[in-house]
Amino acid sequence: MSRWQYIDKQKMQTARGEENFWLYQGVVCLDGQELTIPVLAGTEITEVLLGLPWLEERRLVVDRKAGLLSLGD
């Protein structure tokens, strides 16, 4: 489940130069918990990516071999 509310357009520096992105307020559901996060979208972005500023506020544990991603407070 996910919901996105458009906020504004934003220019950001990327490896390819300055690009335009759309900024949304997103509500995502991870393991039954609803979380509100900033979401950037662009024409070249084809996957959902959790941004570093948001992840720095939470504990993230990844065990790829076990197929486990744990996100805490």
PDB file of N, CA and C in Angstrom:
ATOM      1  N   MET A   1       0.839  -1.183   0.000  1.00  0.00           N
ATOM      2  CA  MET A   1       0.000   0.000   0.000  1.00  0.00           C
ATOM      3  C   MET A   1       0.885   1.247   0.000  1.00  0.00           C
ATOM      4  N   SER A   2       0.575   2.212  -0.831  1.00  0.00           N
ATOM      5  CA  SER A   2       1.310   3.475  -0.811  1.00  0.00           C
ATOM      6  C   SER A   2       0.399   4.597  -1.288  1.00  0.00           C
ATOM      7  N   ARG A   3       0.630   5.794  -0.744  1.00  0.00           N
ATOM      8  CA  ARG A   3      -0.098   6.994  -1.145  1.00  0.00           C
ATOM      9  C   ARG A   3       0.932   8.112  -1.309  1.00  0.00           C
ATOM     10  N   TRP A   4       0.754   8.918  -2.354  1.00  0.00           N
ATOM     11  CA  TRP A   4       1.700   9.992  -2.627  1.00  0.00           C
ATOM     12  C   TRP A   4       0.937  11.292  -2.851  1.00  0.00           C
ATOM     13  N   GLN A   5       1.367  12.377  -2.187  1.00  0.00           N
ATOM     14  CA  GLN A   5       0.767  13.692  -2.377  1.00  0.00           C
ATOM     15  C   GLN A   5       1.841  14.617  -2.952  1.00  0.00           C
ATOM     16  N   TYR A   6       1.565  15.207  -4.138  1.00  0.00           N
ATOM     17  CA  TYR A   6       2.530  16.086  -4.802  1.00  0.00           C
ATOM     18  C   TYR A   6       2.768  17.330  -3.962  1.00  0.00           C
ATOM     19  N   ILE A   7       4.054  17.705  -3.797  1.00  0.00           N
ATOM     20  CA  ILE A   7       4.422  18.898  -3.039  1.00  0.00           C
ATOM     21  C   ILE A   7       4.951  19.990  -3.974  1.00  0.00           C
ATOM     22  N   ASP A   8       6.019  19.686  -4.749  1.00  0.00           N
ATOM     23  CA  ASP A   8       6.661  20.705  -5.571  1.00  0.00           C
ATOM     24  C   ASP A   8       7.677  20.060  -6.513  1.00  0.00           C
ATOM     25  N   LYS A   9       8.183  20.849  -7.452  1.00  0.00           N
ATOM     26  CA  LYS A   9       9.286  20.406  -8.309  1.00  0.00           C
ATOM     27  C   LYS A   9      10.588  20.871  -7.651  1.00  0.00           C
ATOM     28  N   GLN A  10      11.649  20.057  -7.787  1.00  0.00           N
ATOM     29  CA  GLN A  10      12.907  20.378  -7.126  1.00  0.00           C
ATOM     30  C   GLN A  10      14.079  20.015  -8.034  1.00  0.00           C
ATOM     31  N   LYS A  11      15.058  20.926  -8.155  1.00  0.00           N
ATOM     32  CA  LYS A  11      16.281  20.633  -8.914  1.00  0.00           C
ATOM     33  C   LYS A  11      17.293  20.030  -7.965  1.00  0.00           C
ATOM     34  N   MET A  12      17.969  18.967  -8.427  1.00  0.00           N
ATOM     35  CA  MET A  12      18.988  18.321  -7.609  1.00  0.00           C
ATOM     36  C   MET A  12      20.186  17.979  -8.478  1.00  0.00           C
ATOM     37  N   GLN A  13      21.353  17.975  -7.853  1.00  0.00           N
ATOM     38  CA  GLN A  13      22.586  17.602  -8.540  1.00  0.00           C
ATOM     39  C   GLN A  13      22.699  16.085  -8.561  1.00  0.00           C
ATOM     40  N   THR A  14      22.938  15.517  -9.741  1.00  0.00           N
ATOM     41  CA  THR A  14      23.133  14.078  -9.892  1.00  0.00           C
ATOM     42  C   THR A  14      24.476  13.839 -10.583  1.00  0.00           C
ATOM     43  N   ALA A  15      24.832  12.586 -10.771  1.00  0.00           N
ATOM     44  CA  ALA A  15      26.073  12.249 -11.473  1.00  0.00           C
ATOM     45  C   ALA A  15      26.045  12.750 -12.916  1.00  0.00           C
ATOM     46  N   ARG A  16      24.853  12.923 -13.483  1.00  0.00           N
ATOM     47  CA  ARG A  16      24.710  13.401 -14.868  1.00  0.00           C
ATOM     48  C   ARG A  16      24.527  14.908 -14.960  1.00  0.00           C
ATOM     49  N   GLY A  17      24.602  15.603 -13.840  1.00  0.00           N
ATOM     50  CA  GLY A  17      24.378  17.044 -13.829  1.00  0.00           C
ATOM     51  C   GLY A  17      23.115  17.379 -13.051  1.00  0.00           C
ATOM     52  N   GLU A  18      22.627  18.589 -13.242  1.00  0.00           N
ATOM     53  CA  GLU A  18      21.431  19.029 -12.532  1.00  0.00           C
ATOM     54  C   GLU A  18      20.184  18.476 -13.213  1.00  0.00           C
ATOM     55  N   GLU A  19      19.293  17.887 -12.429  1.00  0.00           N
ATOM     56  CA  GLU A  19      18.073  17.267 -12.958  1.00  0.00           C
ATOM     57  C   GLU A  19      16.858  17.780 -12.195  1.00  0.00           C
ATOM     58  N   ASN A  20      15.705  17.776 -12.860  1.00  0.00           N
ATOM     59  CA  ASN A  20      14.440  18.115 -12.210  1.00  0.00           C
ATOM     60  C   ASN A  20      13.803  16.861 -11.633  1.00  0.00           C
ATOM     61  N   PHE A  21      13.326  16.965 -10.411  1.00  0.00           N
ATOM     62  CA  PHE A  21      12.607  15.882  -9.752  1.00  0.00           C
ATOM     63  C   PHE A  21      11.292  16.433  -9.223  1.00  0.00           C
ATOM     64  N   TRP A  22      10.345  15.547  -9.006  1.00  0.00           N
ATOM     65  CA  TRP A  22       9.088  15.920  -8.380  1.00  0.00           C
ATOM     66  C   TRP A  22       9.127  15.435  -6.939  1.00  0.00           C
ATOM     67  N   LEU A  23       8.792  16.332  -6.005  1.00  0.00           N
ATOM     68  CA  LEU A  23       8.802  16.009  -4.580  1.00  0.00           C
ATOM     69  C   LEU A  23       7.382  15.688  -4.131  1.00  0.00           C
ATOM     70  N   TYR A  24       7.227  14.544  -3.494  1.00  0.00           N
ATOM     71  CA  TYR A  24       5.943  14.097  -2.961  1.00  0.00           C
ATOM     72  C   TYR A  24       6.082  13.821  -1.475  1.00  0.00           C
ATOM     73  N   GLN A  25       4.969  13.888  -0.770  1.00  0.00           N
ATOM     74  CA  GLN A  25       4.905  13.348   0.583  1.00  0.00           C
ATOM     75  C   GLN A  25       4.308  11.963   0.420  1.00  0.00           C
ATOM     76  N   GLY A  26       5.054  10.970   0.824  1.00  0.00           N
ATOM     77  CA  GLY A  26       4.608   9.598   0.636  1.00  0.00           C
ATOM     78  C   GLY A  26       4.246   8.930   1.939  1.00  0.00           C
ATOM     79  N   VAL A  27       3.236   8.111   1.903  1.00  0.00           N
ATOM     80  CA  VAL A  27       2.890   7.250   3.029  1.00  0.00           C
ATOM     81  C   VAL A  27       3.092   5.826   2.539  1.00  0.00           C
ATOM     82  N   VAL A  28       4.024   5.125   3.167  1.00  0.00           N
ATOM     83  CA  VAL A  28       4.304   3.746   2.797  1.00  0.00           C
ATOM     84  C   VAL A  28       4.006   2.844   3.982  1.00  0.00           C
ATOM     85  N   CYS A  29       3.683   1.621   3.682  1.00  0.00           N
ATOM     86  CA  CYS A  29       3.401   0.636   4.722  1.00  0.00           C
ATOM     87  C   CYS A  29       4.497  -0.420   4.668  1.00  0.00           C
ATOM     88  N   LEU A  30       5.301  -0.494   5.719  1.00  0.00           N
ATOM     89  CA  LEU A  30       6.358  -1.487   5.835  1.00  0.00           C
ATOM     90  C   LEU A  30       6.062  -2.355   7.044  1.00  0.00           C
ATOM     91  N   ASP A  31       5.847  -3.621   6.807  1.00  0.00           N
ATOM     92  CA  ASP A  31       5.577  -4.584   7.877  1.00  0.00           C
ATOM     93  C   ASP A  31       4.401  -4.141   8.750  1.00  0.00           C
ATOM     94  N   GLY A  32       3.354  -3.618   8.106  1.00  0.00           N
ATOM     95  CA  GLY A  32       2.148  -3.227   8.823  1.00  0.00           C
ATOM     96  C   GLY A  32       2.208  -1.863   9.484  1.00  0.00           C
ATOM     97  N   GLN A  33       3.338  -1.158   9.396  1.00  0.00           N
ATOM     98  CA  GLN A  33       3.485   0.158  10.013  1.00  0.00           C
ATOM     99  C   GLN A  33       3.473   1.225   8.926  1.00  0.00           C
ATOM    100  N   GLU A  34       2.570   2.219   9.051  1.00  0.00           N
ATOM    101  CA  GLU A  34       2.518   3.321   8.090  1.00  0.00           C
ATOM    102  C   GLU A  34       3.546   4.374   8.469  1.00  0.00           C
ATOM    103  N   LEU A  35       4.340   4.792   7.479  1.00  0.00           N
ATOM    104  CA  LEU A  35       5.379   5.790   7.689  1.00  0.00           C
ATOM    105  C   LEU A  35       5.238   6.884   6.646  1.00  0.00           C
ATOM    106  N   THR A  36       5.402   8.148   7.057  1.00  0.00           N
ATOM    107  CA  THR A  36       5.367   9.277   6.138  1.00  0.00           C
ATOM    108  C   THR A  36       6.802   9.650   5.799  1.00  0.00           C
ATOM    109  N   ILE A  37       7.102   9.687   4.492  1.00  0.00           N
ATOM    110  CA  ILE A  37       8.469   9.954   4.048  1.00  0.00           C
ATOM    111  C   ILE A  37       8.457  10.930   2.875  1.00  0.00           C
ATOM    112  N   PRO A  38       9.570  11.696   2.681  1.00  0.00           N
ATOM    113  CA  PRO A  38       9.694  12.490   1.461  1.00  0.00           C
ATOM    114  C   PRO A  38      10.020  11.559   0.299  1.00  0.00           C
ATOM    115  N   VAL A  39       9.414  11.813  -0.851  1.00  0.00           N
ATOM    116  CA  VAL A  39       9.610  10.964  -2.030  1.00  0.00           C
ATOM    117  C   VAL A  39      10.007  11.847  -3.207  1.00  0.00           C
ATOM    118  N   LEU A  40      11.094  11.491  -3.879  1.00  0.00           N
ATOM    119  CA  LEU A  40      11.500  12.174  -5.104  1.00  0.00           C
ATOM    120  C   LEU A  40      11.238  11.255  -6.281  1.00  0.00           C
ATOM    121  N   ALA A  41      10.661  11.798  -7.338  1.00  0.00           N
ATOM    122  CA  ALA A  41      10.378  11.015  -8.538  1.00  0.00           C
ATOM    123  C   ALA A  41      10.980  11.738  -9.733  1.00  0.00           C
ATOM    124  N   GLY A  42      11.405  10.957 -10.713  1.00  0.00           N
ATOM    125  CA  GLY A  42      11.964  11.521 -11.936  1.00  0.00           C
ATOM    126  C   GLY A  42      11.751  10.562 -13.089  1.00  0.00           C
ATOM    127  N   THR A  43      11.927  11.065 -14.296  1.00  0.00           N
ATOM    128  CA  THR A  43      11.666  10.240 -15.476  1.00  0.00           C
ATOM    129  C   THR A  43      12.638   9.078 -15.601  1.00  0.00           C
ATOM    130  N   GLU A  44      13.841   9.193 -15.067  1.00  0.00           N
ATOM    131  CA  GLU A  44      14.840   8.133 -15.175  1.00  0.00           C
ATOM    132  C   GLU A  44      14.813   7.168 -13.990  1.00  0.00           C
ATOM    133  N   ILE A  45      14.012   7.446 -12.976  1.00  0.00           N
ATOM    134  CA  ILE A  45      13.949   6.577 -11.799  1.00  0.00           C
ATOM    135  C   ILE A  45      12.887   5.515 -12.052  1.00  0.00           C
ATOM    136  N   THR A  46      13.310   4.260 -12.093  1.00  0.00           N
ATOM    137  CA  THR A  46      12.377   3.174 -12.404  1.00  0.00           C
ATOM    138  C   THR A  46      12.075   2.288 -11.203  1.00  0.00           C
ATOM    139  N   GLU A  47      12.730   2.526 -10.067  1.00  0.00           N
ATOM    140  CA  GLU A  47      12.521   1.707  -8.883  1.00  0.00           C
ATOM    141  C   GLU A  47      12.250   2.595  -7.682  1.00  0.00           C
ATOM    142  N   VAL A  48      11.658   2.026  -6.656  1.00  0.00           N
ATOM    143  CA  VAL A  48      11.469   2.732  -5.394  1.00  0.00           C
ATOM    144  C   VAL A  48      12.781   2.670  -4.626  1.00  0.00           C
ATOM    145  N   LEU A  49      13.288   3.824  -4.235  1.00  0.00           N
ATOM    146  CA  LEU A  49      14.535   3.911  -3.485  1.00  0.00           C
ATOM    147  C   LEU A  49      14.270   4.624  -2.167  1.00  0.00           C
ATOM    148  N   LEU A  50      14.777   4.095  -1.070  1.00  0.00           N
ATOM    149  CA  LEU A  50      14.673   4.772   0.220  1.00  0.00           C
ATOM    150  C   LEU A  50      15.888   5.676   0.358  1.00  0.00           C
ATOM    151  N   GLY A  51      15.663   6.989   0.465  1.00  0.00           N
ATOM    152  CA  GLY A  51      16.759   7.950   0.484  1.00  0.00           C
ATOM    153  C   GLY A  51      17.548   7.950   1.778  1.00  0.00           C
ATOM    154  N   LEU A  52      18.812   8.304   1.676  1.00  0.00           N
ATOM    155  CA  LEU A  52      19.709   8.306   2.817  1.00  0.00           C
ATOM    156  C   LEU A  52      19.262   9.234   3.943  1.00  0.00           C
ATOM    157  N   PRO A  53      18.811  10.481   3.687  1.00  0.00           N
ATOM    158  CA  PRO A  53      18.396  11.329   4.808  1.00  0.00           C
ATOM    159  C   PRO A  53      17.304  10.676   5.664  1.00  0.00           C
ATOM    160  N   TRP A  54      16.352  10.023   5.043  1.00  0.00           N
ATOM    161  CA  TRP A  54      15.279   9.366   5.799  1.00  0.00           C
ATOM    162  C   TRP A  54      15.816   8.149   6.535  1.00  0.00           C
ATOM    163  N   LEU A  55      16.677   7.368   5.879  1.00  0.00           N
ATOM    164  CA  LEU A  55      17.230   6.169   6.510  1.00  0.00           C
ATOM    165  C   LEU A  55      18.152   6.501   7.676  1.00  0.00           C
ATOM    166  N   GLU A  56      18.758   7.689   7.690  1.00  0.00           N
ATOM    167  CA  GLU A  56      19.623   8.077   8.805  1.00  0.00           C
ATOM    168  C   GLU A  56      18.835   8.271  10.094  1.00  0.00           C
ATOM    169  N   GLU A  57      17.522   8.407  10.010  1.00  0.00           N
ATOM    170  CA  GLU A  57      16.683   8.575  11.200  1.00  0.00           C
ATOM    171  C   GLU A  57      16.207   7.241  11.767  1.00  0.00           C
ATOM    172  N   ARG A  58      16.485   6.142  11.105  1.00  0.00           N
ATOM    173  CA  ARG A  58      15.980   4.827  11.516  1.00  0.00           C
ATOM    174  C   ARG A  58      17.093   3.790  11.488  1.00  0.00           C
ATOM    175  N   ARG A  59      16.904   2.727  12.258  1.00  0.00           N
ATOM    176  CA  ARG A  59      17.853   1.613  12.265  1.00  0.00           C
ATOM    177  C   ARG A  59      17.498   0.683  11.107  1.00  0.00           C
ATOM    178  N   LEU A  60      18.460   0.411  10.236  1.00  0.00           N
ATOM    179  CA  LEU A  60      18.248  -0.444   9.074  1.00  0.00           C
ATOM    180  C   LEU A  60      19.187  -1.635   9.161  1.00  0.00           C
ATOM    181  N   VAL A  61      18.619  -2.843   9.083  1.00  0.00           N
ATOM    182  CA  VAL A  61      19.408  -4.071   9.078  1.00  0.00           C
ATOM    183  C   VAL A  61      19.026  -4.853   7.827  1.00  0.00           C
ATOM    184  N   VAL A  62      20.031  -5.216   7.022  1.00  0.00           N
ATOM    185  CA  VAL A  62      19.796  -5.972   5.797  1.00  0.00           C
ATOM    186  C   VAL A  62      20.599  -7.267   5.858  1.00  0.00           C
ATOM    187  N   ASP A  63      19.907  -8.396   5.660  1.00  0.00           N
ATOM    188  CA  ASP A  63      20.553  -9.704   5.549  1.00  0.00           C
ATOM    189  C   ASP A  63      20.126 -10.276   4.202  1.00  0.00           C
ATOM    190  N   ARG A  64      20.902  -9.996   3.166  1.00  0.00           N
ATOM    191  CA  ARG A  64      20.528 -10.409   1.804  1.00  0.00           C
ATOM    192  C   ARG A  64      20.436 -11.921   1.674  1.00  0.00           C
ATOM    193  N   LYS A  65      21.331 -12.646   2.334  1.00  0.00           N
ATOM    194  CA  LYS A  65      21.319 -14.103   2.236  1.00  0.00           C
ATOM    195  C   LYS A  65      20.004 -14.676   2.758  1.00  0.00           C
ATOM    196  N   ALA A  66      19.482 -14.092   3.840  1.00  0.00           N
ATOM    197  CA  ALA A  66      18.224 -14.558   4.427  1.00  0.00           C
ATOM    198  C   ALA A  66      17.009 -13.888   3.789  1.00  0.00           C
ATOM    199  N   GLY A  67      17.241 -12.880   2.920  1.00  0.00           N
ATOM    200  CA  GLY A  67      16.122 -12.159   2.315  1.00  0.00           C
ATOM    201  C   GLY A  67      15.389 -11.295   3.325  1.00  0.00           C
ATOM    202  N   LEU A  68      16.133 -10.687   4.273  1.00  0.00           N
ATOM    203  CA  LEU A  68      15.535  -9.932   5.375  1.00  0.00           C
ATOM    204  C   LEU A  68      15.946  -8.472   5.316  1.00  0.00           C
ATOM    205  N   LEU A  69      14.972  -7.592   5.432  1.00  0.00           N
ATOM    206  CA  LEU A  69      15.217  -6.171   5.596  1.00  0.00           C
ATOM    207  C   LEU A  69      14.417  -5.734   6.807  1.00  0.00           C
ATOM    208  N   SER A  70      15.082  -5.180   7.808  1.00  0.00           N
ATOM    209  CA  SER A  70      14.424  -4.759   9.041  1.00  0.00           C
ATOM    210  C   SER A  70      14.641  -3.267   9.223  1.00  0.00           C
ATOM    211  N   LEU A  71      13.566  -2.525   9.422  1.00  0.00           N
ATOM    212  CA  LEU A  71      13.626  -1.076   9.576  1.00  0.00           C
ATOM    213  C   LEU A  71      12.971  -0.714  10.892  1.00  0.00           C
ATOM    214  N   GLY A  72      13.716  -0.090  11.798  1.00  0.00           N
ATOM    215  CA  GLY A  72      13.187   0.247  13.118  1.00  0.00           C
ATOM    216  C   GLY A  72      13.292   1.721  13.419  1.00  0.00           C
ATOM    217  N   ASP A  73      12.886   2.087  14.632  1.00  0.00           N
ATOM    218  CA  ASP A  73      12.921   3.491  15.086  1.00  0.00           C
ATOM    219  C   ASP A  73      14.314   3.928  15.451  1.00  0.00           C
TER     220      ASP A  73
END
